[in-house]
Amino acid sequence: MDFENMRDAAYLYFMPKHEDYMPSGIRKVLSEIGINLYEQDGGSRYSFIGVANEWGSKQWHTQTRVFADGLNECGIAVSMQWLPGSEFPYSPQDKENNTLFLSWYLASFILGNIGNLDELNGLFAPKGPLKVFELEIGIEKKKLPFHFNVQDVDGNSVVIEFINKEVKIYDSRDKEHNPFLHASGALTNYPPYDEQVKNYQSFLLQHEGIGPTNRQKGQNDPQEVNGSGLLGMPGDGTPISRFIRTHLLMETVYNDPIENMDAIGATIQMLGNVAVPIGTVAPHEHPDEVGDSTLWSAVRDHKNLKYYYFDQHNNQLRMVDLGTLMKSNDAKIKSTPLETNELWYIDETSKLKERQKSV
């Protein structure tokens, strides 16, 4: 997840079923100004784990948590990426029927209530109950524009966007119309998904045959050049280039890992290739300031319901087991700061043993 570095803002949460998809304090504050948000009878259907950013005031009951990524007990996962230019179908003035839905909480709602991808089709108005709108924040009237990637246990993906006040849905199971989503399930930030695909298609036309297979050894080369099959793959940190890079790397020939550790390790290597290191991006108007970077990364095990993660300062892999949390009799909301300086390395000094000298 890429944002400006804000320590102590991101938390890993366990959300048990039957909880509201949004904090009650925010719901109350909005109702006092006439914005009554969509409510569920009995709360959410499913438990989930995920990463949320927090801001606001505990004292004035306006602290909120906005989930950017997570995995639920059905193996459904959601990731949320920044998409400036998003236009949501409804506004705070559309108050009839109390079915307004604040866009900030779409990820948490999906995680708590969607058991399979087919259920997404009936979610949004006019067919479904959710009338999605956004709020502007603070004096500067900042917006939180997002698009969403929803994935299931079988590796299928559905991308949800809000463009020109319409809901756009791309389903990887429709291979004819969405072949690239079917191939990798990848989504990055701006631009909208259809433009990301067009950029990738244009790139492929200019780099015919690019892929994992090394190019044939040149006449003057002592051996074939390792990695030459991907020569020309963009390496910058723009979302467009990272989209291209993700698709190319997903064409890996390593498709049969023996153990979970092998699969998780290979995925982490992929993530390292599309991460934005801290300090490699600076705002145009403030060239001496550190801009956006990859604050944390996550690997989801949809079948075993395990969530692996690490942050940019502490690369030690951590894991939370959703199944274990669900078995607990203490079904309460739980959280821990995402970033930690605990166990950021493992000291292997004592494991070094004397070996017999070579003859």
Protein backbone atom coordinates (compact mmCIF):
# COMPACT_ATOMS: atom_id res chain seq x y z
CA MET A 1 0.00 0.00 0.00
CA ASP A 2 1.49 3.32 -1.13
CA PHE A 3 0.95 6.56 0.79
CA GLU A 4 2.96 9.28 2.44
CA ASN A 5 4.68 7.88 5.51
CA MET A 6 2.38 8.26 8.54
CA ARG A 7 3.64 6.21 11.47
CA ASP A 8 1.05 4.78 13.87
CA ALA A 9 -1.76 5.38 11.37
CA ALA A 10 -2.20 1.81 10.08
CA TYR A 11 -3.50 -1.06 12.22
CA LEU A 12 -4.13 -4.73 11.62
CA TYR A 13 -7.67 -5.58 12.73
CA PHE A 14 -9.73 -8.64 13.49
CA MET A 15 -13.41 -7.87 12.92
CA PRO A 16 -15.82 -10.56 14.18
CA LYS A 17 -19.15 -11.12 12.46
CA HIS A 18 -22.22 -9.14 13.57
CA GLU A 19 -20.24 -5.88 13.84
CA ASP A 20 -21.21 -2.71 12.00
CA TYR A 21 -19.18 -2.06 8.84
CA MET A 22 -18.39 1.48 10.11
CA PRO A 23 -17.72 3.08 13.51
CA SER A 24 -20.86 4.08 15.37
CA GLY A 25 -19.45 7.52 16.23
CA ILE A 26 -19.15 8.50 12.56
CA ARG A 27 -22.63 7.15 11.86
CA LYS A 28 -24.03 9.29 14.70
CA VAL A 29 -22.19 12.46 13.65
CA LEU A 30 -23.49 12.16 10.08
CA SER A 31 -27.04 11.45 11.21
CA GLU A 32 -26.99 14.67 13.23
CA ILE A 33 -26.48 16.63 9.99
CA GLY A 34 -29.20 14.70 8.18
CA ILE A 35 -27.12 12.01 6.44
CA ASN A 36 -28.56 8.65 7.47
CA LEU A 37 -26.41 5.80 6.22
CA TYR A 38 -27.31 2.29 5.18
CA GLU A 39 -27.73 -0.09 8.13
CA GLN A 40 -27.81 -3.87 8.32
CA ASP A 41 -29.98 -5.92 10.62
CA GLY A 42 -27.65 -7.91 12.85
CA GLY A 43 -24.45 -6.42 11.49
CA SER A 44 -21.98 -8.19 9.22
CA ARG A 45 -22.29 -11.81 8.10
CA TYR A 46 -18.62 -12.78 8.16
CA SER A 47 -15.51 -12.28 10.26
CA PHE A 48 -12.40 -10.85 8.62
CA ILE A 49 -8.88 -9.55 9.16
CA GLY A 50 -7.47 -6.52 7.42
CA VAL A 51 -5.41 -3.36 7.51
CA ALA A 52 -7.14 -0.07 8.29
CA ASN A 53 -5.95 3.52 8.52
CA GLU A 54 -7.21 5.52 11.47
CA TRP A 55 -7.76 9.23 11.87
CA GLY A 56 -10.09 11.59 13.70
CA SER A 57 -10.74 12.35 17.36
CA LYS A 58 -11.55 9.76 20.05
CA GLN A 59 -12.62 12.60 22.35
CA TRP A 60 -15.28 13.84 19.94
CA HIS A 61 -16.24 10.31 18.80
CA THR A 62 -15.22 11.06 15.23
CA GLN A 63 -12.34 8.58 14.96
CA THR A 64 -12.77 6.32 11.99
CA ARG A 65 -11.06 3.31 10.46
CA VAL A 66 -10.93 2.83 6.71
CA PHE A 67 -9.90 -0.62 5.52
CA ALA A 68 -7.53 -0.75 2.58
CA ASP A 69 -7.00 -4.51 2.41
CA GLY A 70 -8.29 -7.68 4.03
CA LEU A 71 -9.42 -11.31 3.92
CA ASN A 72 -12.67 -12.81 5.21
CA GLU A 73 -13.66 -16.28 6.41
CA CYS A 74 -15.02 -17.21 2.95
CA GLY A 75 -11.66 -16.56 1.31
CA ILE A 76 -12.87 -13.28 -0.20
CA ALA A 77 -10.25 -10.53 -0.22
CA VAL A 78 -10.42 -6.82 -1.05
CA SER A 79 -7.71 -4.33 -1.88
CA MET A 80 -8.35 -0.63 -2.35
CA GLN A 81 -6.22 1.56 -4.63
CA TRP A 82 -6.10 5.31 -5.13
CA LEU A 83 -7.99 6.49 -8.23
CA PRO A 84 -8.21 10.30 -8.57
CA GLY A 85 -11.04 11.37 -10.83
CA SER A 86 -13.49 8.86 -9.37
CA GLU A 87 -17.06 10.17 -9.41
CA PHE A 88 -19.58 8.38 -7.26
CA PRO A 89 -23.22 8.03 -8.35
CA TYR A 90 -24.87 9.76 -5.39
CA SER A 91 -24.33 12.79 -3.15
CA PRO A 92 -25.12 13.64 0.50
CA GLN A 93 -28.26 15.40 -0.75
CA ASP A 94 -29.76 12.08 -1.93
CA LYS A 95 -31.26 11.18 1.44
CA GLU A 96 -34.34 9.13 0.57
CA ASN A 97 -34.79 5.61 1.96
CA ASN A 98 -31.73 5.82 4.23
CA THR A 99 -29.63 3.80 1.79
CA LEU A 100 -26.77 6.23 1.26
CA PHE A 101 -23.43 4.48 1.55
CA LEU A 102 -20.17 6.30 2.26
CA SER A 103 -17.46 5.13 -0.14
CA TRP A 104 -14.80 4.99 2.60
CA TYR A 105 -16.38 1.85 4.00
CA LEU A 106 -16.91 -0.22 0.88
CA ALA A 107 -13.93 -2.50 1.55
CA SER A 108 -15.07 -3.29 5.10
CA PHE A 109 -18.65 -3.85 3.93
CA ILE A 110 -17.55 -6.31 1.23
CA LEU A 111 -15.26 -8.16 3.64
CA GLY A 112 -18.05 -8.45 6.20
CA ASN A 113 -20.88 -9.40 3.86
CA ILE A 114 -19.75 -10.94 0.57
CA GLY A 115 -19.25 -14.71 0.44
CA ASN A 116 -18.70 -15.08 -3.30
CA LEU A 117 -18.07 -12.81 -6.27
CA ASP A 118 -21.55 -13.29 -7.76
CA GLU A 119 -23.02 -11.37 -4.82
CA LEU A 120 -21.31 -8.20 -6.01
CA ASN A 121 -23.65 -7.89 -9.00
CA GLY A 122 -26.66 -7.11 -6.82
CA LEU A 123 -24.87 -4.79 -4.43
CA PHE A 124 -25.16 -1.36 -6.01
CA ALA A 125 -28.19 0.80 -6.81
CA PRO A 126 -30.41 0.83 -8.76
CA LYS A 127 -30.49 -3.01 -8.59
CA GLY A 128 -29.05 -3.24 -5.09
CA PRO A 129 -29.25 -1.33 -1.80
CA LEU A 130 -26.01 0.67 -1.83
CA LYS A 131 -26.15 4.26 -3.06
CA VAL A 132 -22.47 5.14 -2.93
CA PHE A 133 -21.33 8.71 -2.32
CA GLU A 134 -18.23 10.46 -0.96
CA LEU A 135 -17.55 13.21 1.54
CA GLU A 136 -15.01 15.99 1.29
CA ILE A 137 -12.66 16.24 4.26
CA GLY A 138 -11.54 19.36 6.11
CA ILE A 139 -11.11 22.94 5.01
CA GLU A 140 -9.21 21.85 1.91
CA LYS A 141 -12.15 19.58 0.97
CA LYS A 142 -9.93 16.63 0.20
CA LYS A 143 -11.49 13.55 -1.36
CA LEU A 144 -10.73 9.86 -0.92
CA PRO A 145 -11.12 8.44 -4.45
CA PHE A 146 -10.67 4.68 -4.74
CA HIS A 147 -11.22 1.68 -6.94
CA PHE A 148 -11.39 -1.87 -5.61
CA ASN A 149 -10.10 -5.32 -6.47
CA VAL A 150 -12.11 -8.20 -5.00
CA GLN A 151 -10.63 -11.70 -5.22
CA ASP A 152 -11.85 -15.17 -4.27
CA VAL A 153 -10.32 -18.45 -3.15
CA ASP A 154 -10.06 -19.69 -6.75
CA GLY A 155 -7.98 -16.71 -7.90
CA ASN A 156 -10.82 -14.91 -9.71
CA SER A 157 -10.97 -11.11 -9.55
CA VAL A 158 -13.60 -8.40 -9.87
CA VAL A 159 -12.55 -4.76 -10.26
CA ILE A 160 -15.06 -2.11 -9.13
CA GLU A 161 -14.75 1.52 -10.21
CA PHE A 162 -16.92 4.62 -10.07
CA ILE A 163 -16.47 6.57 -13.29
CA ASN A 164 -18.67 9.48 -14.45
CA LYS A 165 -21.12 8.62 -11.66
CA GLU A 166 -21.55 5.06 -12.94
CA VAL A 167 -20.48 1.75 -11.42
CA LYS A 168 -17.99 -0.09 -13.65
CA ILE A 169 -17.41 -3.78 -12.96
CA TYR A 170 -14.76 -5.95 -14.64
CA ASP A 171 -14.90 -9.71 -13.97
CA SER A 172 -11.89 -11.94 -14.67
CA ARG A 173 -14.23 -14.90 -15.26
CA ASP A 174 -15.33 -13.12 -18.45
CA LYS A 175 -12.11 -14.08 -20.18
CA GLU A 176 -13.27 -12.85 -23.59
CA HIS A 177 -13.74 -9.25 -22.46
CA ASN A 178 -11.20 -9.16 -19.62
CA PRO A 179 -8.27 -11.36 -20.69
CA PHE A 180 -5.62 -9.43 -18.76
CA LEU A 181 -7.60 -9.50 -15.52
CA HIS A 182 -8.10 -13.22 -16.08
CA ALA A 183 -4.35 -13.67 -16.57
CA SER A 184 -3.08 -11.87 -13.48
CA GLY A 185 -5.84 -10.24 -11.43
CA ALA A 186 -3.61 -7.16 -11.14
CA LEU A 187 -4.72 -3.61 -10.39
CA THR A 188 -2.65 -0.55 -9.49
CA ASN A 189 -3.59 3.07 -8.79
CA TYR A 190 -4.50 5.67 -11.44
CA PRO A 191 -5.57 5.48 -14.26
CA PRO A 192 -8.90 3.58 -14.47
CA TYR A 193 -8.64 -0.11 -15.29
CA ASP A 194 -9.60 0.12 -18.97
CA GLU A 195 -6.85 2.70 -19.53
CA GLN A 196 -4.34 0.51 -17.69
CA VAL A 197 -5.17 -2.29 -20.11
CA LYS A 198 -4.79 -0.01 -23.15
CA ASN A 199 -1.36 1.12 -21.92
CA TYR A 200 -0.31 -2.50 -21.48
CA GLN A 201 -1.53 -3.46 -24.95
CA SER A 202 0.42 -0.55 -26.43
CA PHE A 203 3.52 -1.68 -24.55
CA LEU A 204 3.19 -5.25 -25.89
CA LEU A 205 3.00 -3.97 -29.46
CA GLN A 206 6.32 -2.21 -28.94
CA HIS A 207 7.95 -5.18 -27.18
CA GLU A 208 6.87 -8.23 -29.13
CA GLY A 209 7.81 -11.53 -27.52
CA ILE A 210 8.73 -10.08 -24.12
CA GLY A 211 8.50 -12.73 -21.39
CA PRO A 212 10.44 -14.97 -18.99
CA THR A 213 12.32 -16.95 -21.68
CA ASN A 214 15.87 -15.69 -22.24
CA ARG A 215 16.75 -14.46 -25.68
CA GLN A 216 18.92 -16.67 -27.83
CA LYS A 217 22.64 -16.41 -27.10
CA GLY A 218 24.33 -13.83 -29.27
CA GLN A 219 27.22 -14.82 -31.51
CA ASN A 220 29.75 -13.00 -29.31
CA ASP A 221 28.14 -13.81 -25.95
CA PRO A 222 29.78 -16.49 -23.75
CA GLN A 223 26.29 -17.63 -22.69
CA GLU A 224 22.66 -16.55 -22.96
CA VAL A 225 22.03 -13.41 -20.96
CA ASN A 226 19.99 -14.20 -17.85
CA GLY A 227 16.81 -12.08 -17.70
CA SER A 228 17.09 -10.92 -21.31
CA GLY A 229 13.56 -12.11 -22.08
CA LEU A 230 12.20 -9.24 -20.00
CA LEU A 231 14.56 -6.65 -21.46
CA GLY A 232 12.58 -3.41 -21.82
CA MET A 233 10.30 -4.02 -18.85
CA PRO A 234 9.71 -0.60 -17.19
CA GLY A 235 11.28 -0.21 -13.77
CA ASP A 236 9.91 3.13 -12.55
CA GLY A 237 7.41 3.59 -9.74
CA THR A 238 4.45 4.93 -11.72
CA PRO A 239 1.22 2.93 -11.44
CA ILE A 240 1.19 2.44 -15.23
CA SER A 241 4.65 0.88 -15.24
CA ARG A 242 3.92 -1.20 -12.15
CA PHE A 243 0.78 -2.56 -13.82
CA ILE A 244 2.87 -3.64 -16.82
CA ARG A 245 5.57 -5.07 -14.57
CA THR A 246 3.05 -7.06 -12.52
CA HIS A 247 1.50 -8.64 -15.60
CA LEU A 248 4.88 -9.61 -17.05
CA LEU A 249 6.11 -11.08 -13.77
CA MET A 250 2.86 -13.05 -13.36
CA GLU A 251 3.80 -14.95 -16.51
CA THR A 252 6.28 -16.83 -14.33
CA VAL A 253 7.10 -20.42 -15.26
CA TYR A 254 7.27 -21.22 -11.52
CA ASN A 255 3.69 -22.41 -11.21
CA ASP A 256 3.93 -25.48 -8.99
CA PRO A 257 5.30 -24.58 -5.55
CA ILE A 258 5.82 -27.60 -3.31
CA GLU A 259 4.89 -26.00 0.02
CA ASN A 260 3.08 -22.91 1.26
CA MET A 261 6.46 -21.41 2.17
CA ASP A 262 7.54 -21.66 -1.47
CA ALA A 263 4.39 -19.91 -2.71
CA ILE A 264 4.58 -17.18 -0.08
CA GLY A 265 8.29 -16.63 -0.77
CA ALA A 266 7.75 -16.34 -4.53
CA THR A 267 4.91 -13.85 -3.96
CA ILE A 268 7.09 -11.71 -1.71
CA GLN A 269 9.73 -11.59 -4.45
CA MET A 270 7.04 -10.39 -6.87
CA LEU A 271 5.92 -7.69 -4.44
CA GLY A 272 9.51 -6.49 -4.07
CA ASN A 273 9.65 -5.88 -7.80
CA VAL A 274 6.65 -3.54 -7.77
CA ALA A 275 7.27 -1.81 -4.43
CA VAL A 276 8.26 1.88 -4.31
CA PRO A 277 11.28 2.26 -1.98
CA ILE A 278 11.17 5.12 0.48
CA GLY A 279 12.84 8.27 -0.85
CA THR A 280 12.63 7.34 -4.54
CA VAL A 281 9.61 9.61 -5.06
CA ALA A 282 9.49 13.33 -4.20
CA PRO A 283 6.64 15.83 -4.82
CA HIS A 284 7.29 18.18 -7.74
CA GLU A 285 6.70 21.31 -5.64
CA HIS A 286 8.73 19.98 -2.68
CA PRO A 287 11.68 18.08 -4.20
CA ASP A 288 13.46 17.72 -0.85
CA GLU A 289 10.53 15.94 0.81
CA VAL A 290 9.93 12.20 0.91
CA GLY A 291 6.85 11.38 -1.17
CA ASP A 292 4.71 8.28 -1.45
CA SER A 293 6.31 4.91 -0.89
CA THR A 294 5.17 1.35 -0.22
CA LEU A 295 4.41 1.51 3.51
CA TRP A 296 3.45 -2.15 3.87
CA SER A 297 2.83 -5.26 1.81
CA ALA A 298 0.53 -8.23 2.37
CA VAL A 299 0.25 -11.79 1.10
CA ARG A 300 -3.09 -13.52 1.59
CA ASP A 301 -3.56 -17.28 1.86
CA HIS A 302 -7.20 -17.55 0.79
CA LYS A 303 -7.50 -21.29 1.45
CA ASN A 304 -5.88 -21.46 4.88
CA LEU A 305 -7.19 -18.01 5.91
CA LYS A 306 -3.79 -16.65 6.89
CA TYR A 307 -2.68 -13.07 6.36
CA TYR A 308 1.07 -12.41 6.00
CA TYR A 309 2.48 -8.89 6.07
CA PHE A 310 5.56 -6.73 6.56
CA ASP A 311 6.24 -2.99 6.55
CA GLN A 312 8.86 -0.83 4.87
CA HIS A 313 10.94 -0.40 8.04
CA ASN A 314 10.61 -3.96 9.33
CA ASN A 315 10.78 -6.58 6.60
CA GLN A 316 10.39 -9.46 9.05
CA LEU A 317 7.38 -11.48 7.86
CA ARG A 318 4.46 -11.63 10.32
CA MET A 319 1.27 -13.68 10.12
CA VAL A 320 -2.26 -13.58 11.56
CA ASP A 321 -4.44 -16.70 11.44
CA LEU A 322 -8.11 -15.80 10.91
CA GLY A 323 -9.21 -19.37 11.65
CA THR A 324 -7.64 -19.28 15.10
CA LEU A 325 -9.22 -15.92 15.90
CA MET A 326 -12.65 -17.18 14.84
CA LYS A 327 -12.39 -20.20 17.18
CA SER A 328 -11.80 -17.93 20.16
CA ASN A 329 -14.72 -17.46 22.54
CA ASP A 330 -13.62 -13.86 22.95
CA ALA A 331 -15.32 -12.54 19.77
CA LYS A 332 -14.38 -8.88 20.09
CA ILE A 333 -12.80 -6.35 17.77
CA LYS A 334 -9.02 -6.61 18.11
CA SER A 335 -6.14 -4.64 16.61
CA THR A 336 -2.40 -4.12 16.71
CA PRO A 337 -0.20 -1.42 15.13
CA LEU A 338 0.94 -2.56 11.71
CA GLU A 339 4.47 -1.21 12.10
CA THR A 340 6.68 -2.59 14.85
CA ASN A 341 10.37 -2.49 15.71
CA GLU A 342 10.15 -5.82 17.53
CA LEU A 343 12.07 -8.78 16.06
CA TRP A 344 13.08 -6.89 12.93
CA TYR A 345 15.89 -9.38 12.39
CA ILE A 346 16.84 -12.87 13.59
CA ASP A 347 20.32 -13.29 15.08
CA GLU A 348 21.81 -16.48 13.64
CA THR A 349 25.27 -16.08 15.22
CA SER A 350 24.87 -18.99 17.65
CA LYS A 351 23.93 -21.37 14.83
CA LEU A 352 27.38 -21.19 13.26
CA LYS A 353 29.16 -24.49 14.06
CA GLU A 354 32.71 -25.58 13.50
CA ARG A 355 33.22 -27.58 10.31
CA GLN A 356 36.01 -29.91 9.33
CA LYS A 357 38.66 -28.23 7.20
CA SER A 358 38.77 -29.18 3.56
CA VAL A 359 41.46 -31.66 2.65
